Amino acid sequence: MKPFTDPRKMTTVRAFLVLIPLLYCFAVSAQVSKYDKSKEIGMMAGTSYYIGEVNPYKHFGTRLHPGFGLSFRNNFSRRWTAKVSALYGHIEAWDSDSKDPWIRNRNLNFKNQFFEGSVQAELNFFDYQIGSDDNLSPYLFTGLAYYGMNPQGNLNGLWRPLQPAGTEGQGTSEGTPLYKNNGFAIPVGVGVKANLFTILGVSLEWGLRRTWTDYFDDISGSYINPNILEDEKSRLSARLSDQSLVKERADGTNAGLQRGDPGKKDLYFFMMLSLNIRIDEKATSCWEGHRISP
């Protein structure tokens, strides 16, 4: 049995320990005038990755693919922002890329093309507003996200849907019900914003999503008896379930042995660069200190 000692739990705990008091302090101390308020739309591009059974340790350790998104920011002040965003991500990871002999022998793979919608709160470290002389600020964010996913596995060069296959016996007489292909997640992250021109700004952010599923990669528990999968699902399900190079049991199967680690939920991550456009008003050359005249 292979133990998994990965950074998933500590990454989530540390992020929340840092964010929660800072969000509270900034929110309480914010002082707002009509000149502090503004609205933006953003166009995002970047990449996504995950930490789970196929990639238990390394950030950016999966086969990276482009990701895209749109956002809307309602800036209640120069410190406090509410953001709504829609993102597309594509994660792909292969056991064969690992340096761990046990993981390489398991020989599984997956890709997951997914969509996420979220509502987030952002807190700037410094005063920031597109079109003002507040040019640069790091920021923190957290909120609530909802995702829809579709994990697939590659067998003989073809990608096959994994959830209906019940690769760990889901949906059979010996297994649990099929897992859901959607759910909620908690986004937590950091970024930096900067002004470009009068109504344009740019931001770069990195954030994790804490999920309540261990099936983002379709790997969680133990191998099911392949005969059960063939009888109650299909031969394809049995082949997708166990592609290991060397079987560990004397009967030539891995039935009942560890396939994943159900004690640790999967995390997924986005790294996004965003071009942000101020849409409520254009900046003017008339300044009131560091404020923009209405």
C-alpha atoms as a PDB file:
ATOM      1  CA  MET A   1       0.000   0.000   0.000  1.00  0.00           C
ATOM      2  CA  LYS A   2       1.350   3.392  -1.019  1.00  0.00           C
ATOM      3  CA  PRO A   3       1.054   6.253   1.519  1.00  0.00           C
ATOM      4  CA  PHE A   4       0.252   9.715   0.190  1.00  0.00           C
ATOM      5  CA  THR A   5       1.892  12.578   2.072  1.00  0.00           C
ATOM      6  CA  ASP A   6       1.043  15.632   0.006  1.00  0.00           C
ATOM      7  CA  PRO A   7       0.666  19.360   0.760  1.00  0.00           C
ATOM      8  CA  ARG A   8      -3.067  19.623   0.022  1.00  0.00           C
ATOM      9  CA  LYS A   9      -4.385  20.064   3.559  1.00  0.00           C
ATOM     10  CA  MET A  10      -1.583  22.373   4.723  1.00  0.00           C
ATOM     11  CA  THR A  11      -1.899  24.537   1.581  1.00  0.00           C
ATOM     12  CA  THR A  12      -5.605  25.098   2.273  1.00  0.00           C
ATOM     13  CA  VAL A  13      -5.198  25.714   6.017  1.00  0.00           C
ATOM     14  CA  ARG A  14      -2.365  28.220   5.583  1.00  0.00           C
ATOM     15  CA  ALA A  15      -4.254  30.131   2.911  1.00  0.00           C
ATOM     16  CA  PHE A  16      -7.323  30.542   5.116  1.00  0.00           C
ATOM     17  CA  LEU A  17      -5.279  31.467   8.206  1.00  0.00           C
ATOM     18  CA  VAL A  18      -3.690  34.313   6.243  1.00  0.00           C
ATOM     19  CA  LEU A  19      -6.779  35.494   4.379  1.00  0.00           C
ATOM     20  CA  ILE A  20      -9.526  35.537   6.999  1.00  0.00           C
ATOM     21  CA  PRO A  21      -8.055  38.126   9.423  1.00  0.00           C
ATOM     22  CA  LEU A  22      -6.777  40.296   6.578  1.00  0.00           C
ATOM     23  CA  LEU A  23     -10.142  40.344   4.822  1.00  0.00           C
ATOM     24  CA  TYR A  24     -11.869  41.298   8.060  1.00  0.00           C
ATOM     25  CA  CYS A  25      -9.428  44.081   8.912  1.00  0.00           C
ATOM     26  CA  PHE A  26      -9.523  45.639   5.439  1.00  0.00           C
ATOM     27  CA  ALA A  27     -13.307  45.473   5.270  1.00  0.00           C
ATOM     28  CA  VAL A  28     -13.752  47.162   8.624  1.00  0.00           C
ATOM     29  CA  SER A  29     -11.209  49.923   7.941  1.00  0.00           C
ATOM     30  CA  ALA A  30     -12.352  50.868   4.415  1.00  0.00           C
ATOM     31  CA  GLN A  31     -13.429  54.492   4.014  1.00  0.00           C
ATOM     32  CA  VAL A  32     -15.506  55.142   0.921  1.00  0.00           C
ATOM     33  CA  SER A  33     -16.359  58.233  -1.101  1.00  0.00           C
ATOM     34  CA  LYS A  34     -18.151  58.473  -4.436  1.00  0.00           C
ATOM     35  CA  TYR A  35     -14.787  58.916  -6.172  1.00  0.00           C
ATOM     36  CA  ASP A  36     -13.574  55.552  -4.859  1.00  0.00           C
ATOM     37  CA  LYS A  37     -16.269  53.552  -6.645  1.00  0.00           C
ATOM     38  CA  SER A  38     -15.830  52.104 -10.128  1.00  0.00           C
ATOM     39  CA  LYS A  39     -16.725  49.124 -12.335  1.00  0.00           C
ATOM     40  CA  GLU A  40     -14.610  46.950 -14.647  1.00  0.00           C
ATOM     41  CA  ILE A  41     -14.910  44.064 -17.070  1.00  0.00           C
ATOM     42  CA  GLY A  42     -11.985  41.712 -17.581  1.00  0.00           C
ATOM     43  CA  MET A  43     -10.780  39.237 -20.201  1.00  0.00           C
ATOM     44  CA  MET A  44      -8.571  36.490 -18.744  1.00  0.00           C
ATOM     45  CA  ALA A  45      -6.103  34.003 -20.198  1.00  0.00           C
ATOM     46  CA  GLY A  46      -3.749  31.601 -18.457  1.00  0.00           C
ATOM     47  CA  THR A  47      -3.537  27.978 -17.365  1.00  0.00           C
ATOM     48  CA  SER A  48      -4.765  25.535 -14.735  1.00  0.00           C
ATOM     49  CA  TYR A  49      -3.387  22.513 -12.906  1.00  0.00           C
ATOM     50  CA  TYR A  50      -4.291  20.318  -9.960  1.00  0.00           C
ATOM     51  CA  ILE A  51      -2.858  18.476  -6.952  1.00  0.00           C
ATOM     52  CA  GLY A  52      -4.270  15.007  -6.394  1.00  0.00           C
ATOM     53  CA  GLU A  53      -3.423  11.338  -6.868  1.00  0.00           C
ATOM     54  CA  VAL A  54      -1.698  11.689 -10.258  1.00  0.00           C
ATOM     55  CA  ASN A  55       0.217  14.816  -9.198  1.00  0.00           C
ATOM     56  CA  PRO A  56       0.408  14.694  -5.395  1.00  0.00           C
ATOM     57  CA  TYR A  57       3.241  17.162  -4.767  1.00  0.00           C
ATOM     58  CA  LYS A  58       4.288  19.549  -7.522  1.00  0.00           C
ATOM     59  CA  HIS A  59       2.728  22.895  -8.377  1.00  0.00           C
ATOM     60  CA  PHE A  60       2.453  23.309 -12.163  1.00  0.00           C
ATOM     61  CA  GLY A  61       3.397  19.619 -12.303  1.00  0.00           C
ATOM     62  CA  THR A  62       0.787  18.556 -14.866  1.00  0.00           C
ATOM     63  CA  ARG A  63       0.593  18.879 -18.660  1.00  0.00           C
ATOM     64  CA  LEU A  64      -0.472  22.506 -18.988  1.00  0.00           C
ATOM     65  CA  HIS A  65      -3.219  23.722 -21.330  1.00  0.00           C
ATOM     66  CA  PRO A  66      -4.675  27.200 -21.984  1.00  0.00           C
ATOM     67  CA  GLY A  67      -7.529  28.514 -19.864  1.00  0.00           C
ATOM     68  CA  PHE A  68      -9.819  31.478 -20.497  1.00  0.00           C
ATOM     69  CA  GLY A  69     -12.373  33.576 -18.675  1.00  0.00           C
ATOM     70  CA  LEU A  70     -14.412  36.729 -18.234  1.00  0.00           C
ATOM     71  CA  SER A  71     -14.951  38.809 -15.121  1.00  0.00           C
ATOM     72  CA  PHE A  72     -16.914  41.774 -13.787  1.00  0.00           C
ATOM     73  CA  ARG A  73     -15.655  43.840 -10.858  1.00  0.00           C
ATOM     74  CA  ASN A  74     -17.747  46.200  -8.777  1.00  0.00           C
ATOM     75  CA  ASN A  75     -15.251  48.267  -6.789  1.00  0.00           C
ATOM     76  CA  PHE A  76     -17.026  49.546  -3.690  1.00  0.00           C
ATOM     77  CA  SER A  77     -13.859  51.370  -2.662  1.00  0.00           C
ATOM     78  CA  ARG A  78     -10.180  51.463  -3.597  1.00  0.00           C
ATOM     79  CA  ARG A  79      -9.605  48.557  -1.236  1.00  0.00           C
ATOM     80  CA  TRP A  80     -12.780  46.454  -1.425  1.00  0.00           C
ATOM     81  CA  THR A  81     -14.100  44.715  -4.592  1.00  0.00           C
ATOM     82  CA  ALA A  82     -16.793  42.179  -5.447  1.00  0.00           C
ATOM     83  CA  LYS A  83     -15.962  40.095  -8.525  1.00  0.00           C
ATOM     84  CA  VAL A  84     -18.067  37.702 -10.605  1.00  0.00           C
ATOM     85  CA  SER A  85     -16.149  35.469 -13.010  1.00  0.00           C
ATOM     86  CA  ALA A  86     -16.631  32.585 -15.443  1.00  0.00           C
ATOM     87  CA  LEU A  87     -13.603  30.408 -16.231  1.00  0.00           C
ATOM     88  CA  TYR A  88     -12.747  27.491 -18.505  1.00  0.00           C
ATOM     89  CA  GLY A  89      -9.938  25.156 -17.438  1.00  0.00           C
ATOM     90  CA  HIS A  90      -8.251  22.092 -18.907  1.00  0.00           C
ATOM     91  CA  ILE A  91      -6.205  19.787 -16.670  1.00  0.00           C
ATOM     92  CA  GLU A  92      -4.258  16.763 -17.924  1.00  0.00           C
ATOM     93  CA  ALA A  93      -1.956  14.478 -15.918  1.00  0.00           C
ATOM     94  CA  TRP A  94      -0.308  11.082 -16.490  1.00  0.00           C
ATOM     95  CA  ASP A  95       1.149   8.622 -13.991  1.00  0.00           C
ATOM     96  CA  SER A  96       3.895   7.912 -16.531  1.00  0.00           C
ATOM     97  CA  ASP A  97       5.281  11.447 -15.959  1.00  0.00           C
ATOM     98  CA  SER A  98       5.882  10.767 -12.248  1.00  0.00           C
ATOM     99  CA  LYS A  99       9.253   9.964 -10.668  1.00  0.00           C
ATOM    100  CA  ASP A 100       7.499   7.766  -8.083  1.00  0.00           C
ATOM    101  CA  PRO A 101       7.798   4.062  -9.087  1.00  0.00           C
ATOM    102  CA  TRP A 102       4.456   3.134  -7.458  1.00  0.00           C
ATOM    103  CA  ILE A 103       2.603   5.886  -9.330  1.00  0.00           C
ATOM    104  CA  ARG A 104       4.300   5.006 -12.635  1.00  0.00           C
ATOM    105  CA  ASN A 105       3.303   1.372 -12.207  1.00  0.00           C
ATOM    106  CA  ARG A 106      -0.347   2.369 -11.649  1.00  0.00           C
ATOM    107  CA  ASN A 107      -0.148   3.830 -15.179  1.00  0.00           C
ATOM    108  CA  LEU A 108      -3.387   5.832 -15.107  1.00  0.00           C
ATOM    109  CA  ASN A 109      -4.051   9.171 -16.779  1.00  0.00           C
ATOM    110  CA  PHE A 110      -6.854  11.698 -17.124  1.00  0.00           C
ATOM    111  CA  LYS A 111      -7.873  14.975 -18.624  1.00  0.00           C
ATOM    112  CA  ASN A 112     -10.631  17.169 -17.246  1.00  0.00           C
ATOM    113  CA  GLN A 113     -12.137  20.054 -19.186  1.00  0.00           C
ATOM    114  CA  PHE A 114     -14.293  22.053 -16.810  1.00  0.00           C
ATOM    115  CA  PHE A 115     -16.129  25.321 -16.285  1.00  0.00           C
ATOM    116  CA  GLU A 116     -16.281  27.418 -13.148  1.00  0.00           C
ATOM    117  CA  GLY A 117     -18.490  30.290 -12.086  1.00  0.00           C
ATOM    118  CA  SER A 118     -17.619  32.187  -8.934  1.00  0.00           C
ATOM    119  CA  VAL A 119     -18.404  35.159  -6.711  1.00  0.00           C
ATOM    120  CA  GLN A 120     -15.359  36.549  -4.938  1.00  0.00           C
ATOM    121  CA  ALA A 121     -14.330  39.323  -2.571  1.00  0.00           C
ATOM    122  CA  GLU A 122     -11.019  41.078  -3.272  1.00  0.00           C
ATOM    123  CA  LEU A 123      -9.022  43.229  -0.851  1.00  0.00           C
ATOM    124  CA  ASN A 124      -6.230  45.465  -2.145  1.00  0.00           C
ATOM    125  CA  PHE A 125      -3.176  46.005   0.045  1.00  0.00           C
ATOM    126  CA  PHE A 126      -2.989  49.635  -1.160  1.00  0.00           C
ATOM    127  CA  ASP A 127      -5.458  52.063  -2.665  1.00  0.00           C
ATOM    128  CA  TYR A 128      -6.003  51.131  -6.318  1.00  0.00           C
ATOM    129  CA  GLN A 129      -8.279  52.339  -9.090  1.00  0.00           C
ATOM    130  CA  ILE A 130      -8.031  52.241 -12.880  1.00  0.00           C
ATOM    131  CA  GLY A 131      -7.571  55.763 -14.239  1.00  0.00           C
ATOM    132  CA  SER A 132      -6.301  57.255 -10.982  1.00  0.00           C
ATOM    133  CA  ASP A 133      -2.786  57.822  -9.685  1.00  0.00           C
ATOM    134  CA  ASP A 134      -3.128  54.709  -7.487  1.00  0.00           C
ATOM    135  CA  ASN A 135      -1.106  52.671  -9.958  1.00  0.00           C
ATOM    136  CA  LEU A 136      -0.284  49.340  -8.322  1.00  0.00           C
ATOM    137  CA  SER A 137      -1.474  47.028  -5.560  1.00  0.00           C
ATOM    138  CA  PRO A 138      -1.180  43.395  -4.509  1.00  0.00           C
ATOM    139  CA  TYR A 139      -4.515  41.859  -3.508  1.00  0.00           C
ATOM    140  CA  LEU A 140      -6.110  38.845  -1.821  1.00  0.00           C
ATOM    141  CA  PHE A 141      -9.327  37.091  -2.775  1.00  0.00           C
ATOM    142  CA  THR A 142     -11.730  34.426  -1.571  1.00  0.00           C
ATOM    143  CA  GLY A 143     -15.341  33.481  -2.255  1.00  0.00           C
ATOM    144  CA  LEU A 144     -17.530  30.665  -3.511  1.00  0.00           C
ATOM    145  CA  ALA A 145     -17.283  28.790  -6.820  1.00  0.00           C
ATOM    146  CA  TYR A 146     -19.406  26.220  -8.634  1.00  0.00           C
ATOM    147  CA  TYR A 147     -17.817  23.903 -11.215  1.00  0.00           C
ATOM    148  CA  GLY A 148     -18.909  21.347 -13.778  1.00  0.00           C
ATOM    149  CA  MET A 149     -16.355  18.752 -14.879  1.00  0.00           C
ATOM    150  CA  ASN A 150     -15.936  15.787 -17.232  1.00  0.00           C
ATOM    151  CA  PRO A 151     -12.936  13.545 -16.391  1.00  0.00           C
ATOM    152  CA  GLN A 152     -11.767  11.341 -19.257  1.00  0.00           C
ATOM    153  CA  GLY A 153      -9.136   8.627 -19.534  1.00  0.00           C
ATOM    154  CA  ASN A 154      -6.919   7.753 -22.488  1.00  0.00           C
ATOM    155  CA  LEU A 155      -6.936   4.123 -23.616  1.00  0.00           C
ATOM    156  CA  ASN A 156      -5.142   3.157 -26.828  1.00  0.00           C
ATOM    157  CA  GLY A 157      -5.066   6.768 -27.960  1.00  0.00           C
ATOM    158  CA  LEU A 158      -8.784   7.467 -27.435  1.00  0.00           C
ATOM    159  CA  TRP A 159     -10.278   9.565 -24.637  1.00  0.00           C
ATOM    160  CA  ARG A 160     -13.188   7.896 -22.814  1.00  0.00           C
ATOM    161  CA  PRO A 161     -15.583   9.377 -20.194  1.00  0.00           C
ATOM    162  CA  LEU A 162     -14.611   8.014 -16.773  1.00  0.00           C
ATOM    163  CA  GLN A 163     -17.534   8.870 -14.503  1.00  0.00           C
ATOM    164  CA  PRO A 164     -20.115   6.569 -16.207  1.00  0.00           C
ATOM    165  CA  ALA A 165     -17.491   3.797 -16.395  1.00  0.00           C
ATOM    166  CA  GLY A 166     -17.539   3.422 -12.588  1.00  0.00           C
ATOM    167  CA  THR A 167     -13.829   2.606 -12.483  1.00  0.00           C
ATOM    168  CA  GLU A 168     -13.833   1.956  -8.726  1.00  0.00           C
ATOM    169  CA  GLY A 169     -17.109   0.071  -8.781  1.00  0.00           C
ATOM    170  CA  GLN A 170     -19.426   3.076  -8.607  1.00  0.00           C
ATOM    171  CA  GLY A 171     -22.863   2.108  -9.814  1.00  0.00           C
ATOM    172  CA  THR A 172     -22.305  -1.648  -9.304  1.00  0.00           C
ATOM    173  CA  SER A 173     -23.612  -4.016  -6.646  1.00  0.00           C
ATOM    174  CA  GLU A 174     -20.241  -3.854  -4.863  1.00  0.00           C
ATOM    175  CA  GLY A 175     -19.717  -0.106  -5.058  1.00  0.00           C
ATOM    176  CA  THR A 176     -21.042   3.316  -4.157  1.00  0.00           C
ATOM    177  CA  PRO A 177     -23.298   5.479  -6.361  1.00  0.00           C
ATOM    178  CA  LEU A 178     -21.699   7.357  -9.259  1.00  0.00           C
ATOM    179  CA  TYR A 179     -19.943  10.513  -8.088  1.00  0.00           C
ATOM    180  CA  LYS A 180     -21.249  13.908  -9.197  1.00  0.00           C
ATOM    181  CA  ASN A 181     -19.677  15.818 -12.074  1.00  0.00           C
ATOM    182  CA  ASN A 182     -20.360  19.184 -10.424  1.00  0.00           C
ATOM    183  CA  GLY A 183     -19.990  20.783  -7.044  1.00  0.00           C
ATOM    184  CA  PHE A 184     -18.903  23.742  -4.959  1.00  0.00           C
ATOM    185  CA  ALA A 185     -15.370  24.909  -4.242  1.00  0.00           C
ATOM    186  CA  ILE A 186     -13.743  27.650  -2.169  1.00  0.00           C
ATOM    187  CA  PRO A 187     -11.356  29.887  -4.152  1.00  0.00           C
ATOM    188  CA  VAL A 188      -8.464  31.446  -2.233  1.00  0.00           C
ATOM    189  CA  GLY A 189      -5.583  33.341  -3.805  1.00  0.00           C
ATOM    190  CA  VAL A 190      -3.341  36.335  -4.365  1.00  0.00           C
ATOM    191  CA  GLY A 191      -2.657  38.699  -7.217  1.00  0.00           C
ATOM    192  CA  VAL A 192      -1.328  42.079  -8.294  1.00  0.00           C
ATOM    193  CA  LYS A 193      -3.093  44.887 -10.204  1.00  0.00           C
ATOM    194  CA  ALA A 194      -1.547  47.702 -12.238  1.00  0.00           C
ATOM    195  CA  ASN A 195      -2.747  50.615 -14.354  1.00  0.00           C
ATOM    196  CA  LEU A 196      -1.881  50.670 -18.065  1.00  0.00           C
ATOM    197  CA  PHE A 197      -3.790  53.596 -19.595  1.00  0.00           C
ATOM    198  CA  THR A 198      -6.705  55.876 -18.777  1.00  0.00           C
ATOM    199  CA  ILE A 199      -9.372  53.138 -18.705  1.00  0.00           C
ATOM    200  CA  LEU A 200      -7.171  50.019 -18.881  1.00  0.00           C
ATOM    201  CA  GLY A 201      -5.533  47.951 -16.186  1.00  0.00           C
ATOM    202  CA  VAL A 202      -3.925  44.544 -15.925  1.00  0.00           C
ATOM    203  CA  SER A 203      -3.933  41.942 -13.160  1.00  0.00           C
ATOM    204  CA  LEU A 204      -2.106  38.668 -12.576  1.00  0.00           C
ATOM    205  CA  GLU A 205      -3.494  36.205 -10.052  1.00  0.00           C
ATOM    206  CA  TRP A 206      -2.882  32.705  -8.723  1.00  0.00           C
ATOM    207  CA  GLY A 207      -5.528  30.863  -6.764  1.00  0.00           C
ATOM    208  CA  LEU A 208      -6.398  27.431  -5.420  1.00  0.00           C
ATOM    209  CA  ARG A 209      -9.861  25.880  -5.287  1.00  0.00           C
ATOM    210  CA  ARG A 210     -10.582  23.709  -2.276  1.00  0.00           C
ATOM    211  CA  THR A 211     -13.079  21.047  -3.428  1.00  0.00           C
ATOM    212  CA  TRP A 212     -15.133  18.405  -1.615  1.00  0.00           C
ATOM    213  CA  THR A 213     -14.472  15.717  -4.217  1.00  0.00           C
ATOM    214  CA  ASP A 214     -11.621  13.265  -4.671  1.00  0.00           C
ATOM    215  CA  TYR A 215     -12.724  12.409  -8.210  1.00  0.00           C
ATOM    216  CA  PHE A 216     -11.401  15.342 -10.216  1.00  0.00           C
ATOM    217  CA  ASP A 217      -8.978  12.733 -11.576  1.00  0.00           C
ATOM    218  CA  ASP A 218     -11.388   9.757 -11.178  1.00  0.00           C
ATOM    219  CA  ILE A 219      -8.997   8.190  -8.639  1.00  0.00           C
ATOM    220  CA  SER A 220      -9.826   7.894  -4.943  1.00  0.00           C
ATOM    221  CA  GLY A 221     -10.187   4.488  -3.292  1.00  0.00           C
ATOM    222  CA  SER A 222      -9.423   0.856  -4.133  1.00  0.00           C
ATOM    223  CA  TYR A 223      -9.410  -1.357  -7.200  1.00  0.00           C
ATOM    224  CA  ILE A 224     -12.666  -3.202  -7.794  1.00  0.00           C
ATOM    225  CA  ASN A 225     -12.749  -6.829  -8.928  1.00  0.00           C
ATOM    226  CA  PRO A 226     -12.484  -6.547 -12.756  1.00  0.00           C
ATOM    227  CA  ASN A 227     -14.983  -9.393 -13.192  1.00  0.00           C
ATOM    228  CA  ILE A 228     -17.653  -7.302 -11.465  1.00  0.00           C
ATOM    229  CA  LEU A 229     -16.971  -4.384 -13.797  1.00  0.00           C
ATOM    230  CA  GLU A 230     -17.113  -6.610 -16.874  1.00  0.00           C
ATOM    231  CA  ASP A 231     -20.376  -8.237 -15.750  1.00  0.00           C
ATOM    232  CA  GLU A 232     -22.195  -5.136 -14.532  1.00  0.00           C
ATOM    233  CA  LYS A 233     -20.592  -2.387 -16.611  1.00  0.00           C
ATOM    234  CA  SER A 234     -18.423  -3.357 -19.564  1.00  0.00           C
ATOM    235  CA  ARG A 235     -15.047  -4.718 -20.518  1.00  0.00           C
ATOM    236  CA  LEU A 236     -14.015  -1.139 -21.332  1.00  0.00           C
ATOM    237  CA  SER A 237     -14.769  -0.104 -17.736  1.00  0.00           C
ATOM    238  CA  ALA A 238     -12.517  -2.876 -16.429  1.00  0.00           C
ATOM    239  CA  ARG A 239      -9.684  -1.814 -18.735  1.00  0.00           C
ATOM    240  CA  LEU A 240     -10.020   1.849 -17.754  1.00  0.00           C
ATOM    241  CA  SER A 241     -10.048   0.885 -14.083  1.00  0.00           C
ATOM    242  CA  ASP A 242      -6.739  -0.978 -14.002  1.00  0.00           C
ATOM    243  CA  GLN A 243      -3.974  -0.195 -16.481  1.00  0.00           C
ATOM    244  CA  SER A 244      -1.133  -1.064 -14.091  1.00  0.00           C
ATOM    245  CA  LEU A 245       2.062  -2.419 -15.585  1.00  0.00           C
ATOM    246  CA  VAL A 246       2.501  -5.107 -12.911  1.00  0.00           C
ATOM    247  CA  LYS A 247      -0.443  -6.613 -10.978  1.00  0.00           C
ATOM    248  CA  GLU A 248       0.279  -7.228  -7.280  1.00  0.00           C
ATOM    249  CA  ARG A 249      -2.071 -10.114  -6.460  1.00  0.00           C
ATOM    250  CA  ALA A 250      -1.387 -13.767  -7.213  1.00  0.00           C
ATOM    251  CA  ASP A 251      -4.593 -14.006  -9.280  1.00  0.00           C
ATOM    252  CA  GLY A 252      -3.258 -11.389 -11.715  1.00  0.00           C
ATOM    253  CA  THR A 253      -5.460  -8.507 -10.472  1.00  0.00           C
ATOM    254  CA  ASN A 254      -5.239  -5.626  -8.012  1.00  0.00           C
ATOM    255  CA  ALA A 255      -8.740  -6.185  -6.591  1.00  0.00           C
ATOM    256  CA  GLY A 256      -9.082  -4.607  -3.132  1.00  0.00           C
ATOM    257  CA  LEU A 257      -5.670  -2.894  -3.223  1.00  0.00           C
ATOM    258  CA  GLN A 258      -5.047   0.824  -2.984  1.00  0.00           C
ATOM    259  CA  ARG A 259      -5.737   2.856  -6.122  1.00  0.00           C
ATOM    260  CA  GLY A 260      -5.887   6.325  -4.555  1.00  0.00           C
ATOM    261  CA  ASP A 261      -6.199   8.108  -1.211  1.00  0.00           C
ATOM    262  CA  PRO A 262      -9.798   8.932  -0.239  1.00  0.00           C
ATOM    263  CA  GLY A 263      -8.642  10.885   2.810  1.00  0.00           C
ATOM    264  CA  LYS A 264      -7.393  13.858   0.766  1.00  0.00           C
ATOM    265  CA  LYS A 265      -9.663  15.856  -1.528  1.00  0.00           C
ATOM    266  CA  ASP A 266      -8.429  17.229  -4.835  1.00  0.00           C
ATOM    267  CA  LEU A 267      -7.336  20.847  -5.288  1.00  0.00           C
ATOM    268  CA  TYR A 268      -7.323  22.665  -8.600  1.00  0.00           C
ATOM    269  CA  PHE A 269      -5.578  25.932  -9.419  1.00  0.00           C
ATOM    270  CA  PHE A 270      -5.713  28.803 -11.895  1.00  0.00           C
ATOM    271  CA  MET A 271      -2.954  31.206 -12.943  1.00  0.00           C
ATOM    272  CA  MET A 272      -4.600  34.007 -14.929  1.00  0.00           C
ATOM    273  CA  LEU A 273      -3.531  37.244 -16.598  1.00  0.00           C
ATOM    274  CA  SER A 274      -6.423  39.682 -17.069  1.00  0.00           C
ATOM    275  CA  LEU A 275      -6.898  42.822 -19.151  1.00  0.00           C
ATOM    276  CA  ASN A 276      -9.367  44.998 -17.236  1.00  0.00           C
ATOM    277  CA  ILE A 277     -11.451  47.815 -18.750  1.00  0.00           C
ATOM    278  CA  ARG A 278     -13.109  50.498 -16.641  1.00  0.00           C
ATOM    279  CA  ILE A 279     -16.720  50.893 -17.821  1.00  0.00           C
ATOM    280  CA  ASP A 280     -18.407  53.317 -15.419  1.00  0.00           C
ATOM    281  CA  GLU A 281     -16.657  56.530 -16.490  1.00  0.00           C
ATOM    282  CA  LYS A 282     -13.554  57.737 -18.260  1.00  0.00           C
ATOM    283  CA  ALA A 283     -10.725  59.243 -16.281  1.00  0.00           C
ATOM    284  CA  THR A 284     -10.242  62.990 -16.746  1.00  0.00           C
ATOM    285  CA  SER A 285      -7.367  65.370 -16.347  1.00  0.00           C
ATOM    286  CA  CYS A 286      -9.147  67.115 -13.460  1.00  0.00           C
ATOM    287  CA  TRP A 287      -7.826  65.780 -10.156  1.00  0.00           C
ATOM    288  CA  GLU A 288      -8.929  66.404  -6.600  1.00  0.00           C
ATOM    289  CA  GLY A 289      -5.737  65.394  -4.837  1.00  0.00           C
ATOM    290  CA  HIS A 290      -5.578  61.799  -5.971  1.00  0.00           C
ATOM    291  CA  ARG A 291      -9.329  61.669  -6.820  1.00  0.00           C
ATOM    292  CA  ILE A 292     -10.914  61.753 -10.264  1.00  0.00           C
ATOM    293  CA  SER A 293     -13.466  64.503 -10.827  1.00  0.00           C
ATOM    294  CA  PRO A 294     -16.927  63.145 -11.628  1.00  0.00           C
END
